PDB file of all heavy atoms in Angstrom:
ATOM      1  N   GLY A   1     109.328  82.742 130.239  1.00  0.00           N
ATOM      2  CA  GLY A   1     110.475  83.450 130.798  1.00  0.00           C
ATOM      3  C   GLY A   1     110.942  84.629 129.967  1.00  0.00           C
ATOM      4  O   GLY A   1     112.043  85.128 130.170  1.00  0.00           O
ATOM      5  N   ALA A   2     110.117  85.078 129.036  1.00  0.00           N
ATOM      6  CA  ALA A   2     110.467  86.241 128.217  1.00  0.00           C
ATOM      7  C   ALA A   2     110.441  87.504 129.073  1.00  0.00           C
ATOM      8  O   ALA A   2     109.670  87.608 130.028  1.00  0.00           O
ATOM      9  CB  ALA A   2     109.494  86.381 127.055  1.00  0.00           C
ATOM     10  N   LYS A   3     111.283  88.437 128.724  1.00  0.00           N
ATOM     11  CA  LYS A   3     111.314  89.742 129.395  1.00  0.00           C
ATOM     12  C   LYS A   3     110.481  90.717 128.571  1.00  0.00           C
ATOM     13  O   LYS A   3     110.530  90.703 127.339  1.00  0.00           O
ATOM     14  CB  LYS A   3     112.741  90.263 129.519  1.00  0.00           C
ATOM     15  CG  LYS A   3     113.680  89.315 130.221  1.00  0.00           C
ATOM     16  CD  LYS A   3     113.320  89.154 131.673  1.00  0.00           C
ATOM     17  CE  LYS A   3     114.331  88.245 132.349  1.00  0.00           C
ATOM     18  NZ  LYS A   3     113.759  87.396 133.351  1.00  0.00           N
ATOM     19  N   ALA A   4     109.743  91.579 129.256  1.00  0.00           N
ATOM     20  CA  ALA A   4     108.876  92.518 128.547  1.00  0.00           C
ATOM     21  C   ALA A   4     108.715  93.801 129.340  1.00  0.00           C
ATOM     22  O   ALA A   4     108.822  93.812 130.567  1.00  0.00           O
ATOM     23  CB  ALA A   4     107.512  91.894 128.300  1.00  0.00           C
ATOM     24  N   ASP A   5     108.458  94.857 128.608  1.00  0.00           N
ATOM     25  CA  ASP A   5     108.083  96.146 129.185  1.00  0.00           C
ATOM     26  C   ASP A   5     106.558  96.148 129.186  1.00  0.00           C
ATOM     27  O   ASP A   5     105.944  96.058 128.113  1.00  0.00           O
ATOM     28  CB  ASP A   5     108.650  97.278 128.328  1.00  0.00           C
ATOM     29  CG  ASP A   5     108.317  98.652 128.881  1.00  0.00           C
ATOM     30  OD1 ASP A   5     108.028  98.766 130.084  1.00  0.00           O
ATOM     31  OD2 ASP A   5     108.348  99.614 128.082  1.00  0.00           O
ATOM     32  N   ILE A   6     105.953  96.226 130.365  1.00  0.00           N
ATOM     33  CA  ILE A   6     104.505  96.104 130.495  1.00  0.00           C
ATOM     34  C   ILE A   6     103.962  97.307 131.256  1.00  0.00           C
ATOM     35  O   ILE A   6     104.504  97.688 132.298  1.00  0.00           O
ATOM     36  CB  ILE A   6     104.125  94.819 131.259  1.00  0.00           C
ATOM     37  CG1 ILE A   6     104.711  93.593 130.543  1.00  0.00           C
ATOM     38  CG2 ILE A   6     102.610  94.707 131.398  1.00  0.00           C
ATOM     39  CD1 ILE A   6     104.629  92.321 131.351  1.00  0.00           C
ATOM     40  N   GLU A   7     102.886  97.874 130.740  1.00  0.00           N
ATOM     41  CA  GLU A   7     102.184  98.950 131.441  1.00  0.00           C
ATOM     42  C   GLU A   7     100.691  98.663 131.350  1.00  0.00           C
ATOM     43  O   GLU A   7     100.148  98.474 130.266  1.00  0.00           O
ATOM     44  CB  GLU A   7     102.490 100.302 130.808  1.00  0.00           C
ATOM     45  CG  GLU A   7     101.843 101.462 131.547  1.00  0.00           C
ATOM     46  CD  GLU A   7     102.160 102.815 130.946  1.00  0.00           C
ATOM     47  OE1 GLU A   7     102.967 102.902 130.004  1.00  0.00           O
ATOM     48  OE2 GLU A   7     101.583 103.797 131.439  1.00  0.00           O
ATOM     49  N   VAL A   8     100.054  98.612 132.522  1.00  0.00           N
ATOM     50  CA  VAL A   8      98.624  98.336 132.590  1.00  0.00           C
ATOM     51  C   VAL A   8      97.970  99.378 133.484  1.00  0.00           C
ATOM     52  O   VAL A   8      98.451  99.646 134.585  1.00  0.00           O
ATOM     53  CB  VAL A   8      98.349  96.927 133.165  1.00  0.00           C
ATOM     54  CG1 VAL A   8      96.858  96.668 133.261  1.00  0.00           C
ATOM     55  CG2 VAL A   8      99.025  95.855 132.331  1.00  0.00           C
ATOM     56  N   ARG A   9      96.900  99.956 132.983  1.00  0.00           N
ATOM     57  CA  ARG A   9      96.056 100.851 133.778  1.00  0.00           C
ATOM     58  C   ARG A   9      94.657 100.805 133.175  1.00  0.00           C
ATOM     59  O   ARG A   9      94.417 100.054 132.238  1.00  0.00           O
ATOM     60  CB  ARG A   9      96.638 102.264 133.813  1.00  0.00           C
ATOM     61  CG  ARG A   9      96.838 102.933 132.484  1.00  0.00           C
ATOM     62  CD  ARG A   9      97.439 104.343 132.663  1.00  0.00           C
ATOM     63  NE  ARG A   9      97.398 105.086 131.448  1.00  0.00           N
ATOM     64  CZ  ARG A   9      98.394 105.219 130.590  1.00  0.00           C
ATOM     65  NH1 ARG A   9      99.553 104.634 130.842  1.00  0.00           N
ATOM     66  NH2 ARG A   9      98.256 105.919 129.494  1.00  0.00           N
ATOM     67  N   GLU A  10      93.754 101.572 133.688  1.00  0.00           N
ATOM     68  CA  GLU A  10      92.368 101.565 133.218  1.00  0.00           C
ATOM     69  C   GLU A  10      92.310 101.747 131.702  1.00  0.00           C
ATOM     70  O   GLU A  10      92.785 102.748 131.172  1.00  0.00           O
ATOM     71  CB  GLU A  10      91.578 102.690 133.914  1.00  0.00           C
ATOM     72  CG  GLU A  10      90.137 102.801 133.473  1.00  0.00           C
ATOM     73  CD  GLU A  10      89.275 101.611 133.849  1.00  0.00           C
ATOM     74  OE1 GLU A  10      89.588 100.931 134.853  1.00  0.00           O
ATOM     75  OE2 GLU A  10      88.290 101.352 133.145  1.00  0.00           O
ATOM     76  N   ALA A  11      91.734 100.769 131.029  1.00  0.00           N
ATOM     77  CA  ALA A  11      91.516 100.798 129.577  1.00  0.00           C
ATOM     78  C   ALA A  11      92.817 100.974 128.788  1.00  0.00           C
ATOM     79  O   ALA A  11      92.839 101.576 127.721  1.00  0.00           O
ATOM     80  CB  ALA A  11      90.505 101.872 129.195  1.00  0.00           C
ATOM     81  N   TYR A  12      93.921 100.408 129.303  1.00  0.00           N
ATOM     82  CA  TYR A  12      95.228 100.546 128.650  1.00  0.00           C
ATOM     83  C   TYR A  12      96.103  99.360 129.036  1.00  0.00           C
ATOM     84  O   TYR A  12      96.308  99.089 130.218  1.00  0.00           O
ATOM     85  CB  TYR A  12      95.889 101.847 129.109  1.00  0.00           C
ATOM     86  CG  TYR A  12      97.199 102.172 128.434  1.00  0.00           C
ATOM     87  CD1 TYR A  12      97.237 103.002 127.315  1.00  0.00           C
ATOM     88  CD2 TYR A  12      98.398 101.678 128.925  1.00  0.00           C
ATOM     89  CE1 TYR A  12      98.441 103.322 126.699  1.00  0.00           C
ATOM     90  CE2 TYR A  12      99.600 101.987 128.314  1.00  0.00           C
ATOM     91  CZ  TYR A  12      99.623 102.805 127.205  1.00  0.00           C
ATOM     92  OH  TYR A  12     100.813 103.120 126.597  1.00  0.00           O
ATOM     93  N   PHE A  13      96.615  98.646 128.043  1.00  0.00           N
ATOM     94  CA  PHE A  13      97.494  97.507 128.287  1.00  0.00           C
ATOM     95  C   PHE A  13      98.555  97.518 127.184  1.00  0.00           C
ATOM     96  O   PHE A  13      98.272  97.298 126.018  1.00  0.00           O
ATOM     97  CB  PHE A  13      96.690  96.213 128.219  1.00  0.00           C
ATOM     98  CG  PHE A  13      97.393  94.971 128.722  1.00  0.00           C
ATOM     99  CD1 PHE A  13      96.646  93.973 129.324  1.00  0.00           C
ATOM    100  CD2 PHE A  13      98.759  94.778 128.589  1.00  0.00           C
ATOM    101  CE1 PHE A  13      97.254  92.811 129.779  1.00  0.00           C
ATOM    102  CE2 PHE A  13      99.379  93.629 129.056  1.00  0.00           C
ATOM    103  CZ  PHE A  13      98.613  92.636 129.644  1.00  0.00           C
ATOM    104  N   ARG A  14      99.800  97.789 127.585  1.00  0.00           N
ATOM    105  CA  ARG A  14     100.915  97.799 126.635  1.00  0.00           C
ATOM    106  C   ARG A  14     101.899  96.716 127.038  1.00  0.00           C
ATOM    107  O   ARG A  14     102.294  96.621 128.199  1.00  0.00           O
ATOM    108  CB  ARG A  14     101.617  99.155 126.614  1.00  0.00           C
ATOM    109  CG  ARG A  14     102.715  99.232 125.549  1.00  0.00           C
ATOM    110  CD  ARG A  14     103.337 100.626 125.481  1.00  0.00           C
ATOM    111  NE  ARG A  14     103.818 101.103 126.762  1.00  0.00           N
ATOM    112  CZ  ARG A  14     104.977 100.735 127.330  1.00  0.00           C
ATOM    113  NH1 ARG A  14     105.767  99.878 126.739  1.00  0.00           N
ATOM    114  NH2 ARG A  14     105.333 101.231 128.496  1.00  0.00           N
ATOM    115  N   PHE A  15     102.283  95.897 126.060  1.00  0.00           N
ATOM    116  CA  PHE A  15     103.208  94.782 126.276  1.00  0.00           C
ATOM    117  C   PHE A  15     104.199  94.776 125.124  1.00  0.00           C
ATOM    118  O   PHE A  15     103.812  94.604 123.960  1.00  0.00           O
ATOM    119  CB  PHE A  15     102.423  93.460 126.297  1.00  0.00           C
ATOM    120  CG  PHE A  15     103.280  92.242 126.464  1.00  0.00           C
ATOM    121  CD1 PHE A  15     103.475  91.693 127.713  1.00  0.00           C
ATOM    122  CD2 PHE A  15     103.871  91.629 125.375  1.00  0.00           C
ATOM    123  CE1 PHE A  15     104.266  90.558 127.872  1.00  0.00           C
ATOM    124  CE2 PHE A  15     104.657  90.498 125.514  1.00  0.00           C
ATOM    125  CZ  PHE A  15     104.852  89.960 126.767  1.00  0.00           C
ATOM    126  N   ILE A  16     105.485  94.968 125.432  1.00  0.00           N
ATOM    127  CA  ILE A  16     106.533  94.968 124.416  1.00  0.00           C
ATOM    128  C   ILE A  16     107.651  94.044 124.886  1.00  0.00           C
ATOM    129  O   ILE A  16     108.217  94.246 125.967  1.00  0.00           O
ATOM    130  CB  ILE A  16     107.114  96.385 124.176  1.00  0.00           C
ATOM    131  CG1 ILE A  16     106.023  97.398 123.854  1.00  0.00           C
ATOM    132  CG2 ILE A  16     108.191  96.336 123.075  1.00  0.00           C
ATOM    133  CD1 ILE A  16     105.343  97.219 122.529  1.00  0.00           C
ATOM    134  N   LEU A  17     107.990  93.056 124.083  1.00  0.00           N
ATOM    135  CA  LEU A  17     109.109  92.175 124.414  1.00  0.00           C
ATOM    136  C   LEU A  17     110.403  92.976 124.437  1.00  0.00           C
ATOM    137  O   LEU A  17     110.629  93.816 123.566  1.00  0.00           O
ATOM    138  CB  LEU A  17     109.232  91.057 123.382  1.00  0.00           C
ATOM    139  CG  LEU A  17     108.139  90.006 123.394  1.00  0.00           C
ATOM    140  CD1 LEU A  17     108.249  89.127 122.163  1.00  0.00           C
ATOM    141  CD2 LEU A  17     108.198  89.172 124.665  1.00  0.00           C
ATOM    142  N   THR A  18     111.247  92.697 125.416  1.00  0.00           N
ATOM    143  CA  THR A  18     112.548  93.370 125.488  1.00  0.00           C
ATOM    144  C   THR A  18     113.694  92.411 125.181  1.00  0.00           C
ATOM    145  O   THR A  18     114.847  92.811 125.205  1.00  0.00           O
ATOM    146  CB  THR A  18     112.754  94.025 126.869  1.00  0.00           C
ATOM    147  OG1 THR A  18     112.632  93.021 127.881  1.00  0.00           O
ATOM    148  CG2 THR A  18     111.745  95.133 127.106  1.00  0.00           C
ATOM    149  N   ASP A  19     113.363  91.162 124.934  1.00  0.00           N
ATOM    150  CA  ASP A  19     114.356  90.205 124.461  1.00  0.00           C
ATOM    151  C   ASP A  19     113.694  89.330 123.407  1.00  0.00           C
ATOM    152  O   ASP A  19     112.493  89.368 123.225  1.00  0.00           O
ATOM    153  CB  ASP A  19     114.950  89.370 125.599  1.00  0.00           C
ATOM    154  CG  ASP A  19     113.925  88.545 126.355  1.00  0.00           C
ATOM    155  OD1 ASP A  19     112.734  88.554 125.978  1.00  0.00           O
ATOM    156  OD2 ASP A  19     114.301  87.874 127.323  1.00  0.00           O
ATOM    157  N   LYS A  20     114.497  88.584 122.693  1.00  0.00           N
ATOM    158  CA  LYS A  20     113.961  87.782 121.594  1.00  0.00           C
ATOM    159  C   LYS A  20     113.850  86.326 122.016  1.00  0.00           C
ATOM    160  O   LYS A  20     114.837  85.696 122.348  1.00  0.00           O
ATOM    161  CB  LYS A  20     114.851  87.912 120.366  1.00  0.00           C
ATOM    162  CG  LYS A  20     114.865  89.332 119.847  1.00  0.00           C
ATOM    163  CD  LYS A  20     115.641  89.431 118.568  1.00  0.00           C
ATOM    164  CE  LYS A  20     115.857  90.879 118.275  1.00  0.00           C
ATOM    165  NZ  LYS A  20     115.435  91.441 117.134  1.00  0.00           N
ATOM    166  N   PHE A  21     112.635  85.840 122.021  1.00  0.00           N
ATOM    167  CA  PHE A  21     112.349  84.442 122.282  1.00  0.00           C
ATOM    168  C   PHE A  21     111.599  83.915 121.078  1.00  0.00           C
ATOM    169  O   PHE A  21     110.579  84.478 120.687  1.00  0.00           O
ATOM    170  CB  PHE A  21     111.426  84.292 123.509  1.00  0.00           C
ATOM    171  CG  PHE A  21     112.131  84.056 124.793  1.00  0.00           C
ATOM    172  CD1 PHE A  21     112.640  85.112 125.522  1.00  0.00           C
ATOM    173  CD2 PHE A  21     112.271  82.772 125.292  1.00  0.00           C
ATOM    174  CE1 PHE A  21     113.283  84.899 126.731  1.00  0.00           C
ATOM    175  CE2 PHE A  21     112.918  82.547 126.488  1.00  0.00           C
ATOM    176  CZ  PHE A  21     113.417  83.610 127.217  1.00  0.00           C
ATOM    177  N   LEU A  22     112.094  82.873 120.467  1.00  0.00           N
ATOM    178  CA  LEU A  22     111.398  82.318 119.309  1.00  0.00           C
ATOM    179  C   LEU A  22     109.989  81.898 119.678  1.00  0.00           C
ATOM    180  O   LEU A  22     109.048  82.092 118.919  1.00  0.00           O
ATOM    181  CB  LEU A  22     112.168  81.123 118.745  1.00  0.00           C
ATOM    182  CG  LEU A  22     113.536  81.434 118.141  1.00  0.00           C
ATOM    183  CD1 LEU A  22     114.223  80.149 117.705  1.00  0.00           C
ATOM    184  CD2 LEU A  22     113.389  82.390 116.968  1.00  0.00           C
ATOM    185  N   GLU A  23     109.825  81.322 120.857  1.00  0.00           N
ATOM    186  CA  GLU A  23     108.520  80.850 121.303  1.00  0.00           C
ATOM    187  C   GLU A  23     107.541  82.003 121.526  1.00  0.00           C
ATOM    188  O   GLU A  23     106.336  81.837 121.394  1.00  0.00           O
ATOM    189  CB  GLU A  23     108.690  80.046 122.590  1.00  0.00           C
ATOM    190  CG  GLU A  23     107.450  79.310 123.013  1.00  0.00           C
ATOM    191  CD  GLU A  23     107.688  78.454 124.242  1.00  0.00           C
ATOM    192  OE1 GLU A  23     108.846  78.162 124.589  1.00  0.00           O
ATOM    193  OE2 GLU A  23     106.692  78.095 124.863  1.00  0.00           O
ATOM    194  N   ALA A  24     108.051  83.181 121.845  1.00  0.00           N
ATOM    195  CA  ALA A  24     107.190  84.319 122.169  1.00  0.00           C
ATOM    196  C   ALA A  24     106.328  84.727 120.989  1.00  0.00           C
ATOM    197  O   ALA A  24     105.152  85.043 121.147  1.00  0.00           O
ATOM    198  CB  ALA A  24     108.027  85.503 122.646  1.00  0.00           C
ATOM    199  N   GLU A  25     106.899  84.721 119.795  1.00  0.00           N
ATOM    200  CA  GLU A  25     106.125  85.184 118.649  1.00  0.00           C
ATOM    201  C   GLU A  25     104.909  84.302 118.389  1.00  0.00           C
ATOM    202  O   GLU A  25     103.855  84.799 118.015  1.00  0.00           O
ATOM    203  CB  GLU A  25     106.973  85.288 117.379  1.00  0.00           C
ATOM    204  CG  GLU A  25     106.160  85.966 116.289  1.00  0.00           C
ATOM    205  CD  GLU A  25     106.832  86.046 114.942  1.00  0.00           C
ATOM    206  OE1 GLU A  25     107.773  85.279 114.678  1.00  0.00           O
ATOM    207  OE2 GLU A  25     106.394  86.898 114.168  1.00  0.00           O
ATOM    208  N   SER A  26     105.011  83.011 118.605  1.00  0.00           N
ATOM    209  CA  SER A  26     103.854  82.139 118.358  1.00  0.00           C
ATOM    210  C   SER A  26     102.695  82.504 119.287  1.00  0.00           C
ATOM    211  O   SER A  26     101.534  82.478 118.871  1.00  0.00           O
ATOM    212  CB  SER A  26     104.229  80.666 118.501  1.00  0.00           C
ATOM    213  OG  SER A  26     104.633  80.361 119.810  1.00  0.00           O
ATOM    214  N   HIS A  27     102.985  82.883 120.515  1.00  0.00           N
ATOM    215  CA  HIS A  27     101.928  83.298 121.441  1.00  0.00           C
ATOM    216  C   HIS A  27     101.308  84.621 120.987  1.00  0.00           C
ATOM    217  O   HIS A  27     100.089  84.798 121.041  1.00  0.00           O
ATOM    218  CB  HIS A  27     102.475  83.425 122.865  1.00  0.00           C
ATOM    219  CG  HIS A  27     102.836  82.116 123.474  1.00  0.00           C
ATOM    220  ND1 HIS A  27     101.911  81.267 124.029  1.00  0.00           N
ATOM    221  CD2 HIS A  27     104.035  81.501 123.588  1.00  0.00           C
ATOM    222  CE1 HIS A  27     102.516  80.183 124.479  1.00  0.00           C
ATOM    223  NE2 HIS A  27     103.808  80.300 124.218  1.00  0.00           N
ATOM    224  N   LEU A  28     102.134  85.544 120.546  1.00  0.00           N
ATOM    225  CA  LEU A  28     101.619  86.826 120.051  1.00  0.00           C
ATOM    226  C   LEU A  28     100.814  86.632 118.775  1.00  0.00           C
ATOM    227  O   LEU A  28      99.780  87.291 118.583  1.00  0.00           O
ATOM    228  CB  LEU A  28     102.764  87.815 119.831  1.00  0.00           C
ATOM    229  CG  LEU A  28     103.432  88.322 121.105  1.00  0.00           C
ATOM    230  CD1 LEU A  28     104.695  89.104 120.763  1.00  0.00           C
ATOM    231  CD2 LEU A  28     102.471  89.175 121.926  1.00  0.00           C
ATOM    232  N   LYS A  29     101.239  85.714 117.914  1.00  0.00           N
ATOM    233  CA  LYS A  29     100.459  85.409 116.707  1.00  0.00           C
ATOM    234  C   LYS A  29      99.100  84.816 117.078  1.00  0.00           C
ATOM    235  O   LYS A  29      98.092  85.104 116.439  1.00  0.00           O
ATOM    236  CB  LYS A  29     101.222  84.443 115.801  1.00  0.00           C
ATOM    237  CG  LYS A  29     102.325  85.084 115.008  1.00  0.00           C
ATOM    238  CD  LYS A  29     102.992  84.053 114.100  1.00  0.00           C
ATOM    239  CE  LYS A  29     104.023  84.678 113.208  1.00  0.00           C
ATOM    240  NZ  LYS A  29     104.669  83.667 112.336  1.00  0.00           N
ATOM    241  N   GLY A  30      99.090  83.976 118.104  1.00  0.00           N
ATOM    242  CA  GLY A  30      97.824  83.405 118.581  1.00  0.00           C
ATOM    243  C   GLY A  30      96.884  84.477 119.096  1.00  0.00           C
ATOM    244  O   GLY A  30      95.686  84.463 118.806  1.00  0.00           O
ATOM    245  N   LEU A  31      97.436  85.418 119.872  1.00  0.00           N
ATOM    246  CA  LEU A  31      96.627  86.531 120.374  1.00  0.00           C
ATOM    247  C   LEU A  31      96.095  87.355 119.204  1.00  0.00           C
ATOM    248  O   LEU A  31      94.913  87.726 119.182  1.00  0.00           O
ATOM    249  CB  LEU A  31      97.445  87.414 121.314  1.00  0.00           C
ATOM    250  CG  LEU A  31      96.736  88.672 121.825  1.00  0.00           C
ATOM    251  CD1 LEU A  31      95.552  88.303 122.708  1.00  0.00           C
ATOM    252  CD2 LEU A  31      97.713  89.562 122.556  1.00  0.00           C
ATOM    253  N   LYS A  32      96.939  87.627 118.239  1.00  0.00           N
ATOM    254  CA  LYS A  32      96.518  88.421 117.083  1.00  0.00           C
ATOM    255  C   LYS A  32      95.398  87.720 116.325  1.00  0.00           C
ATOM    256  O   LYS A  32      94.383  88.347 115.981  1.00  0.00           O
ATOM    257  CB  LYS A  32      97.719  88.668 116.158  1.00  0.00           C
ATOM    258  CG  LYS A  32      97.396  89.548 114.980  1.00  0.00           C
ATOM    259  CD  LYS A  32      98.623  89.800 114.119  1.00  0.00           C
ATOM    260  CE  LYS A  32      98.256  90.749 112.988  1.00  0.00           C
ATOM    261  NZ  LYS A  32      99.194  90.716 111.897  1.00  0.00           N
TER     262      LYS A  32
END
């Protein structure tokens, strides 16, 4: 349920959280 600014197009994917969720960082750390 995190809010994010997302832009996706050919060969481009931008995802920026717009609110703070403690759980969100663990998912981003996993992706990293």
